[in-house]
Amino acid sequence: MSTVRVAVFPAAGLGTRFLPATKAQPKEMLPLVDKPLVQYVVEEAVAAGIERIVLVTSRGKSALEDHFDLSYELERTLEERGKQDLLRQVRAVSTIARISSVRQAQALGLGHAVLQARDQVGDEPFAVLLSDDIVVADDPCIGQMIRLYERRGNPVIALQEVPPSQTHQYGIVAGERAEERVVALSDMVEKPPADKAPSNLAIIGRYLLPPEIFGILESTRSDVGGEIQLTSGLKALLQKRPIDGYLFSGTRYDAGDKLGFLKATVEIALSRPDLGPAFREYLKALAL
């Protein structure tokens, strides 16, 4: 069985939920404390053993490539000023992994974005990670999923329990428990209301997929909005082979939502040894 070496990062969306902040910068570059969203998720992938990162970008997203590129002028300035700690951090970003990019000319859905990475991925299993889903865990979320794939041999989708009132915001799965944290999937429904949802198990932005998904997505019909949904491709894949849902261990923040972004900012800042103590005292002093 092939080792999972490649991760695809769809990042071509318009980020409309964060306008006007995203008018001139990618949503994936919004900072959580002092690192952009995308860097947290790339670090998760690398910590799990991923070797190559494929960014699926679009017009106006060059800041993503620039962030992971060398910055000779900045590095030279930091070195001349003796700021060795900052220099190490900057260099670590540019050497974190082998990173390439491919353009999605039109924002035609998550499935279409994944399809653009076909030539970069080739004929091997690969991960898909969404940068606005931040998962804080001692054991990287995608690493947990890779080990499950290596053990059971099935594609894997990350799941999280959500309140019934929130099922309309997610893809929701149906299935039977195969193990404590593993659900053998039988169906998926895109954003159902609570009374139509088959469960409260929501799909979040971590996937481990076989290369055959590309052929399926290529033949998947677009929805009424003209988009090719990844969920539609996964439903077709489920007709051909088993798919496992995985209830991962860790804390997930929906950083694509303003409230979720604020929660992530506060909790990650509090967890930092250099910021946490002083920030905690500041929060205690607020008249809430």
C-alpha atoms as a PDB file:
ATOM      1  CA  MET A   1       0.000   0.000   0.000  1.00  0.00           C
ATOM      2  CA  SER A   2       1.354   3.407  -0.987  1.00  0.00           C
ATOM      3  CA  THR A   3       2.398   5.833   1.688  1.00  0.00           C
ATOM      4  CA  VAL A   4       0.366   9.059   1.581  1.00  0.00           C
ATOM      5  CA  ARG A   5       2.884  11.676   0.486  1.00  0.00           C
ATOM      6  CA  VAL A   6       0.838  14.449  -1.144  1.00  0.00           C
ATOM      7  CA  ALA A   7      -1.679  16.925   0.276  1.00  0.00           C
ATOM      8  CA  VAL A   8      -3.949  19.203  -1.759  1.00  0.00           C
ATOM      9  CA  PHE A   9      -4.942  22.583  -0.305  1.00  0.00           C
ATOM     10  CA  PRO A  10      -7.932  24.129  -2.121  1.00  0.00           C
ATOM     11  CA  ALA A  11      -7.488  27.885  -1.713  1.00  0.00           C
ATOM     12  CA  ALA A  12      -9.176  29.512  -4.693  1.00  0.00           C
ATOM     13  CA  GLY A  13     -12.359  30.713  -2.981  1.00  0.00           C
ATOM     14  CA  LEU A  14     -13.321  34.362  -2.626  1.00  0.00           C
ATOM     15  CA  GLY A  15     -13.507  34.413   1.187  1.00  0.00           C
ATOM     16  CA  THR A  16     -16.711  36.442   1.114  1.00  0.00           C
ATOM     17  CA  ARG A  17     -17.525  35.794   4.790  1.00  0.00           C
ATOM     18  CA  PHE A  18     -14.515  37.937   5.743  1.00  0.00           C
ATOM     19  CA  LEU A  19     -15.034  40.887   3.410  1.00  0.00           C
ATOM     20  CA  PRO A  20     -13.726  43.554   3.332  1.00  0.00           C
ATOM     21  CA  ALA A  21     -10.602  42.019   4.955  1.00  0.00           C
ATOM     22  CA  THR A  22     -10.314  39.527   2.084  1.00  0.00           C
ATOM     23  CA  LYS A  23     -10.852  42.047  -0.708  1.00  0.00           C
ATOM     24  CA  ALA A  24      -7.107  42.254  -1.360  1.00  0.00           C
ATOM     25  CA  GLN A  25      -5.686  39.265   0.527  1.00  0.00           C
ATOM     26  CA  PRO A  26      -6.528  35.561   0.565  1.00  0.00           C
ATOM     27  CA  LYS A  27      -8.659  34.309   3.426  1.00  0.00           C
ATOM     28  CA  GLU A  28      -6.028  31.621   4.002  1.00  0.00           C
ATOM     29  CA  MET A  29      -3.509  34.356   4.886  1.00  0.00           C
ATOM     30  CA  LEU A  30      -5.573  35.827   7.730  1.00  0.00           C
ATOM     31  CA  PRO A  31      -3.391  35.585  10.852  1.00  0.00           C
ATOM     32  CA  LEU A  32      -4.171  33.536  13.936  1.00  0.00           C
ATOM     33  CA  VAL A  33      -1.950  35.377  16.404  1.00  0.00           C
ATOM     34  CA  ASP A  34       1.232  35.527  14.279  1.00  0.00           C
ATOM     35  CA  LYS A  35       0.827  32.780  11.659  1.00  0.00           C
ATOM     36  CA  PRO A  36      -1.590  32.654   8.711  1.00  0.00           C
ATOM     37  CA  LEU A  37      -4.323  30.031   8.713  1.00  0.00           C
ATOM     38  CA  VAL A  38      -2.725  28.064   5.879  1.00  0.00           C
ATOM     39  CA  GLN A  39       0.574  27.680   7.754  1.00  0.00           C
ATOM     40  CA  TYR A  40      -1.114  25.949  10.701  1.00  0.00           C
ATOM     41  CA  VAL A  41      -2.638  23.376   8.362  1.00  0.00           C
ATOM     42  CA  VAL A  42       0.527  22.884   6.302  1.00  0.00           C
ATOM     43  CA  GLU A  43       2.399  22.275   9.569  1.00  0.00           C
ATOM     44  CA  GLU A  44      -0.212  19.654  10.495  1.00  0.00           C
ATOM     45  CA  ALA A  45       0.305  17.878   7.171  1.00  0.00           C
ATOM     46  CA  VAL A  46       4.093  17.936   7.463  1.00  0.00           C
ATOM     47  CA  ALA A  47       3.952  16.670  11.053  1.00  0.00           C
ATOM     48  CA  ALA A  48       1.967  13.689   9.722  1.00  0.00           C
ATOM     49  CA  GLY A  49       4.673  12.818   7.188  1.00  0.00           C
ATOM     50  CA  ILE A  50       3.316  14.599   4.098  1.00  0.00           C
ATOM     51  CA  GLU A  51       6.159  15.491   1.740  1.00  0.00           C
ATOM     52  CA  ARG A  52       4.495  17.532  -1.019  1.00  0.00           C
ATOM     53  CA  ILE A  53       1.911  20.307  -0.798  1.00  0.00           C
ATOM     54  CA  VAL A  54      -0.207  21.332  -3.809  1.00  0.00           C
ATOM     55  CA  LEU A  55      -1.898  24.716  -3.431  1.00  0.00           C
ATOM     56  CA  VAL A  56      -4.951  25.209  -5.642  1.00  0.00           C
ATOM     57  CA  THR A  57      -5.062  28.972  -6.070  1.00  0.00           C
ATOM     58  CA  SER A  58      -6.657  31.573  -8.294  1.00  0.00           C
ATOM     59  CA  ARG A  59      -6.097  35.113  -9.491  1.00  0.00           C
ATOM     60  CA  GLY A  60      -5.098  37.394  -6.614  1.00  0.00           C
ATOM     61  CA  LYS A  61      -3.772  34.567  -4.419  1.00  0.00           C
ATOM     62  CA  SER A  62      -0.048  35.017  -5.069  1.00  0.00           C
ATOM     63  CA  ALA A  63       0.483  35.838  -1.381  1.00  0.00           C
ATOM     64  CA  LEU A  64       0.072  32.126  -0.668  1.00  0.00           C
ATOM     65  CA  GLU A  65       2.987  31.157  -2.897  1.00  0.00           C
ATOM     66  CA  ASP A  66       5.022  34.125  -1.647  1.00  0.00           C
ATOM     67  CA  HIS A  67       4.551  33.116   1.984  1.00  0.00           C
ATOM     68  CA  PHE A  68       6.200  29.745   1.416  1.00  0.00           C
ATOM     69  CA  ASP A  69       8.883  31.098  -0.928  1.00  0.00           C
ATOM     70  CA  LEU A  70      12.363  32.369  -0.040  1.00  0.00           C
ATOM     71  CA  SER A  71      12.578  36.044   0.936  1.00  0.00           C
ATOM     72  CA  TYR A  72      16.207  37.011   0.398  1.00  0.00           C
ATOM     73  CA  GLU A  73      15.810  40.678   1.321  1.00  0.00           C
ATOM     74  CA  LEU A  74      13.942  39.942   4.554  1.00  0.00           C
ATOM     75  CA  GLU A  75      16.368  37.206   5.566  1.00  0.00           C
ATOM     76  CA  ARG A  76      19.383  39.418   4.879  1.00  0.00           C
ATOM     77  CA  THR A  77      17.866  42.272   6.895  1.00  0.00           C
ATOM     78  CA  LEU A  78      17.093  40.022   9.855  1.00  0.00           C
ATOM     79  CA  GLU A  79      20.603  38.569   9.732  1.00  0.00           C
ATOM     80  CA  GLU A  80      22.224  42.018   9.624  1.00  0.00           C
ATOM     81  CA  ARG A  81      20.177  43.120  12.617  1.00  0.00           C
ATOM     82  CA  GLY A  82      21.059  40.016  14.606  1.00  0.00           C
ATOM     83  CA  LYS A  83      17.464  38.809  14.879  1.00  0.00           C
ATOM     84  CA  GLN A  84      18.366  35.136  14.716  1.00  0.00           C
ATOM     85  CA  ASP A  85      15.134  33.789  16.218  1.00  0.00           C
ATOM     86  CA  LEU A  86      12.981  35.572  13.640  1.00  0.00           C
ATOM     87  CA  LEU A  87      15.401  34.508  10.911  1.00  0.00           C
ATOM     88  CA  ARG A  88      14.998  30.852  11.893  1.00  0.00           C
ATOM     89  CA  GLN A  89      11.207  31.188  11.818  1.00  0.00           C
ATOM     90  CA  VAL A  90      11.218  32.785   8.373  1.00  0.00           C
ATOM     91  CA  ARG A  91      13.584  30.208   6.928  1.00  0.00           C
ATOM     92  CA  ALA A  92      11.580  27.354   8.435  1.00  0.00           C
ATOM     93  CA  VAL A  93       8.483  28.493   6.525  1.00  0.00           C
ATOM     94  CA  SER A  94      10.284  28.461   3.160  1.00  0.00           C
ATOM     95  CA  THR A  95      11.775  25.006   3.730  1.00  0.00           C
ATOM     96  CA  ILE A  96       8.812  23.319   5.390  1.00  0.00           C
ATOM     97  CA  ALA A  97       7.918  21.086   2.409  1.00  0.00           C
ATOM     98  CA  ARG A  98       8.012  20.814  -1.373  1.00  0.00           C
ATOM     99  CA  ILE A  99       5.274  23.232  -2.355  1.00  0.00           C
ATOM    100  CA  SER A 100       3.792  23.752  -5.807  1.00  0.00           C
ATOM    101  CA  SER A 101       0.637  25.428  -7.022  1.00  0.00           C
ATOM    102  CA  VAL A 102      -1.978  25.095  -9.736  1.00  0.00           C
ATOM    103  CA  ARG A 103      -4.647  27.573 -10.813  1.00  0.00           C
ATOM    104  CA  GLN A 104      -8.407  27.125 -10.614  1.00  0.00           C
ATOM    105  CA  ALA A 105      -9.514  29.640 -13.234  1.00  0.00           C
ATOM    106  CA  GLN A 106     -13.099  29.779 -11.955  1.00  0.00           C
ATOM    107  CA  ALA A 107     -14.461  29.074  -8.477  1.00  0.00           C
ATOM    108  CA  LEU A 108     -16.628  26.127  -9.508  1.00  0.00           C
ATOM    109  CA  GLY A 109     -16.803  24.240  -6.230  1.00  0.00           C
ATOM    110  CA  LEU A 110     -14.588  22.187  -3.948  1.00  0.00           C
ATOM    111  CA  GLY A 111     -14.774  19.122  -6.179  1.00  0.00           C
ATOM    112  CA  HIS A 112     -13.628  21.174  -9.160  1.00  0.00           C
ATOM    113  CA  ALA A 113     -10.754  22.616  -7.089  1.00  0.00           C
ATOM    114  CA  VAL A 114      -9.548  19.139  -6.135  1.00  0.00           C
ATOM    115  CA  LEU A 115      -9.772  18.050  -9.772  1.00  0.00           C
ATOM    116  CA  GLN A 116      -7.312  20.799 -10.776  1.00  0.00           C
ATOM    117  CA  ALA A 117      -4.589  19.017  -8.782  1.00  0.00           C
ATOM    118  CA  ARG A 118      -4.869  15.802 -10.793  1.00  0.00           C
ATOM    119  CA  ASP A 119      -1.617  16.169 -12.730  1.00  0.00           C
ATOM    120  CA  GLN A 120       0.291  17.238  -9.619  1.00  0.00           C
ATOM    121  CA  VAL A 121      -0.949  14.313  -7.522  1.00  0.00           C
ATOM    122  CA  GLY A 122      -0.619  11.548 -10.085  1.00  0.00           C
ATOM    123  CA  ASP A 123      -1.728   7.976  -9.479  1.00  0.00           C
ATOM    124  CA  GLU A 124      -1.442   7.738  -5.694  1.00  0.00           C
ATOM    125  CA  PRO A 125      -3.596   8.307  -2.622  1.00  0.00           C
ATOM    126  CA  PHE A 126      -3.595  11.870  -1.350  1.00  0.00           C
ATOM    127  CA  ALA A 127      -4.917  14.084   1.419  1.00  0.00           C
ATOM    128  CA  VAL A 128      -7.147  17.136   1.055  1.00  0.00           C
ATOM    129  CA  LEU A 129      -6.999  19.748   3.821  1.00  0.00           C
ATOM    130  CA  LEU A 130      -9.070  22.931   4.084  1.00  0.00           C
ATOM    131  CA  SER A 131      -7.175  25.831   5.590  1.00  0.00           C
ATOM    132  CA  ASP A 132     -10.119  27.322   7.446  1.00  0.00           C
ATOM    133  CA  ASP A 133     -10.540  24.144   9.509  1.00  0.00           C
ATOM    134  CA  ILE A 134      -7.919  24.417  12.244  1.00  0.00           C
ATOM    135  CA  VAL A 135      -7.476  21.250  14.309  1.00  0.00           C
ATOM    136  CA  VAL A 136      -5.349  21.459  17.443  1.00  0.00           C
ATOM    137  CA  ALA A 137      -4.217  17.996  18.515  1.00  0.00           C
ATOM    138  CA  ASP A 138      -1.157  16.349  20.016  1.00  0.00           C
ATOM    139  CA  ASP A 139      -1.446  13.782  17.213  1.00  0.00           C
ATOM    140  CA  PRO A 140      -2.071  15.532  13.850  1.00  0.00           C
ATOM    141  CA  CYS A 141      -5.619  14.935  12.624  1.00  0.00           C
ATOM    142  CA  ILE A 142      -4.540  13.941   9.120  1.00  0.00           C
ATOM    143  CA  GLY A 143      -1.918  11.630  10.641  1.00  0.00           C
ATOM    144  CA  GLN A 144      -4.636   9.811  12.600  1.00  0.00           C
ATOM    145  CA  MET A 145      -6.512   9.373   9.321  1.00  0.00           C
ATOM    146  CA  ILE A 146      -3.451   8.110   7.444  1.00  0.00           C
ATOM    147  CA  ARG A 147      -2.906   5.387  10.045  1.00  0.00           C
ATOM    148  CA  LEU A 148      -6.552   4.322   9.727  1.00  0.00           C
ATOM    149  CA  TYR A 149      -6.176   4.172   5.935  1.00  0.00           C
ATOM    150  CA  GLU A 150      -3.033   2.071   6.236  1.00  0.00           C
ATOM    151  CA  ARG A 151      -4.835  -0.305   8.581  1.00  0.00           C
ATOM    152  CA  ARG A 152      -8.222  -0.651   6.834  1.00  0.00           C
ATOM    153  CA  GLY A 153      -7.395   0.368   3.243  1.00  0.00           C
ATOM    154  CA  ASN A 154     -10.467   2.578   2.750  1.00  0.00           C
ATOM    155  CA  PRO A 155     -10.715   6.283   1.879  1.00  0.00           C
ATOM    156  CA  VAL A 156     -11.218   8.339   5.035  1.00  0.00           C
ATOM    157  CA  ILE A 157     -13.314  11.435   5.790  1.00  0.00           C
ATOM    158  CA  ALA A 158     -12.963  13.365   9.053  1.00  0.00           C
ATOM    159  CA  LEU A 159     -16.164  13.644  11.082  1.00  0.00           C
ATOM    160  CA  GLN A 160     -17.308  15.735  14.024  1.00  0.00           C
ATOM    161  CA  GLU A 161     -20.498  15.604  16.050  1.00  0.00           C
ATOM    162  CA  VAL A 162     -22.498  18.825  15.713  1.00  0.00           C
ATOM    163  CA  PRO A 163     -25.761  20.023  17.310  1.00  0.00           C
ATOM    164  CA  PRO A 164     -28.835  19.168  15.196  1.00  0.00           C
ATOM    165  CA  SER A 165     -29.442  22.906  14.752  1.00  0.00           C
ATOM    166  CA  GLN A 166     -26.185  23.116  12.751  1.00  0.00           C
ATOM    167  CA  THR A 167     -26.628  20.212  10.307  1.00  0.00           C
ATOM    168  CA  HIS A 168     -27.710  22.649   7.585  1.00  0.00           C
ATOM    169  CA  GLN A 169     -24.170  24.065   7.583  1.00  0.00           C
ATOM    170  CA  TYR A 170     -22.377  20.787   6.774  1.00  0.00           C
ATOM    171  CA  GLY A 171     -22.307  17.644   4.730  1.00  0.00           C
ATOM    172  CA  ILE A 172     -23.855  14.998   7.017  1.00  0.00           C
ATOM    173  CA  VAL A 173     -23.195  11.264   6.840  1.00  0.00           C
ATOM    174  CA  ALA A 174     -25.177   8.104   7.530  1.00  0.00           C
ATOM    175  CA  GLY A 175     -23.526   4.857   8.549  1.00  0.00           C
ATOM    176  CA  GLU A 176     -22.831   2.254  11.203  1.00  0.00           C
ATOM    177  CA  ARG A 177     -20.091   2.241  13.806  1.00  0.00           C
ATOM    178  CA  ALA A 178     -17.342  -0.146  12.754  1.00  0.00           C
ATOM    179  CA  GLU A 179     -15.027   0.769  15.632  1.00  0.00           C
ATOM    180  CA  GLU A 180     -15.049   3.265  18.492  1.00  0.00           C
ATOM    181  CA  ARG A 181     -14.082   6.211  16.279  1.00  0.00           C
ATOM    182  CA  VAL A 182     -14.801   4.695  12.850  1.00  0.00           C
ATOM    183  CA  VAL A 183     -18.093   4.882  10.939  1.00  0.00           C
ATOM    184  CA  ALA A 184     -18.631   2.705   7.872  1.00  0.00           C
ATOM    185  CA  LEU A 185     -20.467   5.191   5.654  1.00  0.00           C
ATOM    186  CA  SER A 186     -23.649   4.385   3.762  1.00  0.00           C
ATOM    187  CA  ASP A 187     -24.708   7.848   2.538  1.00  0.00           C
ATOM    188  CA  MET A 188     -23.918  11.564   2.582  1.00  0.00           C
ATOM    189  CA  VAL A 189     -26.332  14.484   2.430  1.00  0.00           C
ATOM    190  CA  GLU A 190     -25.235  18.040   1.663  1.00  0.00           C
ATOM    191  CA  LYS A 191     -26.449  20.585   4.265  1.00  0.00           C
ATOM    192  CA  PRO A 192     -29.736  18.964   5.340  1.00  0.00           C
ATOM    193  CA  PRO A 193     -32.127  20.634   7.792  1.00  0.00           C
ATOM    194  CA  ALA A 194     -32.301  18.975  11.207  1.00  0.00           C
ATOM    195  CA  ASP A 195     -35.477  17.034  10.377  1.00  0.00           C
ATOM    196  CA  LYS A 196     -33.903  15.595   7.201  1.00  0.00           C
ATOM    197  CA  ALA A 197     -30.410  14.854   8.550  1.00  0.00           C
ATOM    198  CA  PRO A 198     -29.518  11.146   8.813  1.00  0.00           C
ATOM    199  CA  SER A 199     -27.264  11.842  11.831  1.00  0.00           C
ATOM    200  CA  ASN A 200     -25.408  14.646  13.580  1.00  0.00           C
ATOM    201  CA  LEU A 201     -22.039  13.545  12.158  1.00  0.00           C
ATOM    202  CA  ALA A 202     -20.649  16.359  10.031  1.00  0.00           C
ATOM    203  CA  ILE A 203     -17.897  16.205   7.423  1.00  0.00           C
ATOM    204  CA  ILE A 204     -15.067  18.612   8.194  1.00  0.00           C
ATOM    205  CA  GLY A 205     -12.136  19.701   6.065  1.00  0.00           C
ATOM    206  CA  ARG A 206      -9.876  16.650   6.131  1.00  0.00           C
ATOM    207  CA  TYR A 207     -10.081  13.909   3.485  1.00  0.00           C
ATOM    208  CA  LEU A 208      -7.876  10.991   2.473  1.00  0.00           C
ATOM    209  CA  LEU A 209      -8.762   9.949  -1.066  1.00  0.00           C
ATOM    210  CA  PRO A 210      -7.737   7.461  -3.766  1.00  0.00           C
ATOM    211  CA  PRO A 211      -6.666   8.733  -7.203  1.00  0.00           C
ATOM    212  CA  GLU A 212      -9.823   7.280  -8.781  1.00  0.00           C
ATOM    213  CA  ILE A 213     -11.742  10.230  -7.319  1.00  0.00           C
ATOM    214  CA  PHE A 214     -10.363  12.381 -10.159  1.00  0.00           C
ATOM    215  CA  GLY A 215     -12.148  10.370 -12.845  1.00  0.00           C
ATOM    216  CA  ILE A 216     -15.330  10.464 -10.783  1.00  0.00           C
ATOM    217  CA  LEU A 217     -15.142  14.243 -10.302  1.00  0.00           C
ATOM    218  CA  GLU A 218     -14.485  14.709 -14.016  1.00  0.00           C
ATOM    219  CA  SER A 219     -17.818  13.034 -14.788  1.00  0.00           C
ATOM    220  CA  THR A 220     -19.748  14.577 -11.880  1.00  0.00           C
ATOM    221  CA  ARG A 221     -22.519  16.925 -12.904  1.00  0.00           C
ATOM    222  CA  SER A 222     -22.485  20.443 -11.526  1.00  0.00           C
ATOM    223  CA  ASP A 223     -25.223  21.509  -9.112  1.00  0.00           C
ATOM    224  CA  VAL A 224     -27.821  24.234  -9.653  1.00  0.00           C
ATOM    225  CA  GLY A 225     -25.189  26.834  -8.803  1.00  0.00           C
ATOM    226  CA  GLY A 226     -22.854  25.511 -11.480  1.00  0.00           C
ATOM    227  CA  GLU A 227     -20.417  24.000  -8.975  1.00  0.00           C
ATOM    228  CA  ILE A 228     -18.969  20.492  -8.751  1.00  0.00           C
ATOM    229  CA  GLN A 229     -19.306  19.430  -5.128  1.00  0.00           C
ATOM    230  CA  LEU A 230     -16.776  17.087  -3.558  1.00  0.00           C
ATOM    231  CA  THR A 231     -19.646  15.472  -1.633  1.00  0.00           C
ATOM    232  CA  SER A 232     -21.247  14.447  -4.936  1.00  0.00           C
ATOM    233  CA  GLY A 233     -18.018  12.784  -6.026  1.00  0.00           C
ATOM    234  CA  LEU A 234     -17.683  11.028  -2.676  1.00  0.00           C
ATOM    235  CA  LYS A 235     -21.223   9.660  -2.959  1.00  0.00           C
ATOM    236  CA  ALA A 236     -20.329   8.201  -6.343  1.00  0.00           C
ATOM    237  CA  LEU A 237     -17.099   6.767  -4.912  1.00  0.00           C
ATOM    238  CA  LEU A 238     -19.127   5.168  -2.106  1.00  0.00           C
ATOM    239  CA  GLN A 239     -21.027   3.161  -4.725  1.00  0.00           C
ATOM    240  CA  LYS A 240     -17.720   1.629  -5.847  1.00  0.00           C
ATOM    241  CA  ARG A 241     -15.899   0.999  -2.561  1.00  0.00           C
ATOM    242  CA  PRO A 242     -16.265   1.434   1.221  1.00  0.00           C
ATOM    243  CA  ILE A 243     -15.449   4.798   2.797  1.00  0.00           C
ATOM    244  CA  ASP A 244     -14.641   5.267   6.484  1.00  0.00           C
ATOM    245  CA  GLY A 245     -15.706   8.268   8.513  1.00  0.00           C
ATOM    246  CA  TYR A 246     -13.331   9.060  11.359  1.00  0.00           C
ATOM    247  CA  LEU A 247     -14.165  10.872  14.593  1.00  0.00           C
ATOM    248  CA  PHE A 248     -10.735  12.368  15.150  1.00  0.00           C
ATOM    249  CA  SER A 249      -9.147  13.284  18.453  1.00  0.00           C
ATOM    250  CA  GLY A 250      -8.504  17.017  18.844  1.00  0.00           C
ATOM    251  CA  THR A 251     -10.163  20.440  18.990  1.00  0.00           C
ATOM    252  CA  ARG A 252     -11.464  21.845  15.726  1.00  0.00           C
ATOM    253  CA  TYR A 253     -12.065  25.537  15.040  1.00  0.00           C
ATOM    254  CA  ASP A 254     -14.139  26.734  12.097  1.00  0.00           C
ATOM    255  CA  ALA A 255     -11.864  29.627  11.229  1.00  0.00           C
ATOM    256  CA  GLY A 256     -13.884  30.314   8.085  1.00  0.00           C
ATOM    257  CA  ASP A 257     -16.569  31.727  10.369  1.00  0.00           C
ATOM    258  CA  LYS A 258     -16.031  35.033  12.195  1.00  0.00           C
ATOM    259  CA  LEU A 259     -16.984  33.697  15.609  1.00  0.00           C
ATOM    260  CA  GLY A 260     -14.966  30.518  15.066  1.00  0.00           C
ATOM    261  CA  PHE A 261     -11.981  32.631  14.000  1.00  0.00           C
ATOM    262  CA  LEU A 262     -12.220  34.707  17.170  1.00  0.00           C
ATOM    263  CA  LYS A 263     -12.467  31.593  19.342  1.00  0.00           C
ATOM    264  CA  ALA A 264      -9.409  30.110  17.662  1.00  0.00           C
ATOM    265  CA  THR A 265      -7.458  33.335  18.112  1.00  0.00           C
ATOM    266  CA  VAL A 266      -8.236  33.563  21.831  1.00  0.00           C
ATOM    267  CA  GLU A 267      -7.656  29.895  22.662  1.00  0.00           C
ATOM    268  CA  ILE A 268      -4.466  29.557  20.622  1.00  0.00           C
ATOM    269  CA  ALA A 269      -3.096  32.753  22.159  1.00  0.00           C
ATOM    270  CA  LEU A 270      -3.892  31.451  25.646  1.00  0.00           C
ATOM    271  CA  SER A 271      -2.014  28.223  24.875  1.00  0.00           C
ATOM    272  CA  ARG A 272       1.158  30.101  23.963  1.00  0.00           C
ATOM    273  CA  PRO A 273       3.803  30.206  26.739  1.00  0.00           C
ATOM    274  CA  ASP A 274       5.011  33.606  25.526  1.00  0.00           C
ATOM    275  CA  LEU A 275       1.537  35.193  25.401  1.00  0.00           C
ATOM    276  CA  GLY A 276      -0.816  33.078  27.469  1.00  0.00           C
ATOM    277  CA  PRO A 277      -0.106  34.287  31.032  1.00  0.00           C
ATOM    278  CA  ALA A 278      -0.279  38.014  30.225  1.00  0.00           C
ATOM    279  CA  PHE A 279      -3.260  37.571  27.887  1.00  0.00           C
ATOM    280  CA  ARG A 280      -5.136  35.566  30.515  1.00  0.00           C
ATOM    281  CA  GLU A 281      -4.636  38.331  33.086  1.00  0.00           C
ATOM    282  CA  TYR A 282      -5.863  40.876  30.563  1.00  0.00           C
ATOM    283  CA  LEU A 283      -9.028  38.871  29.899  1.00  0.00           C
ATOM    284  CA  LYS A 284      -9.693  38.489  33.615  1.00  0.00           C
ATOM    285  CA  ALA A 285      -9.507  42.268  34.009  1.00  0.00           C
ATOM    286  CA  LEU A 286     -12.192  42.917  31.381  1.00  0.00           C
ATOM    287  CA  ALA A 287     -15.594  44.008  32.667  1.00  0.00           C
ATOM    288  CA  LEU A 288     -17.590  41.289  30.918  1.00  0.00           C
END
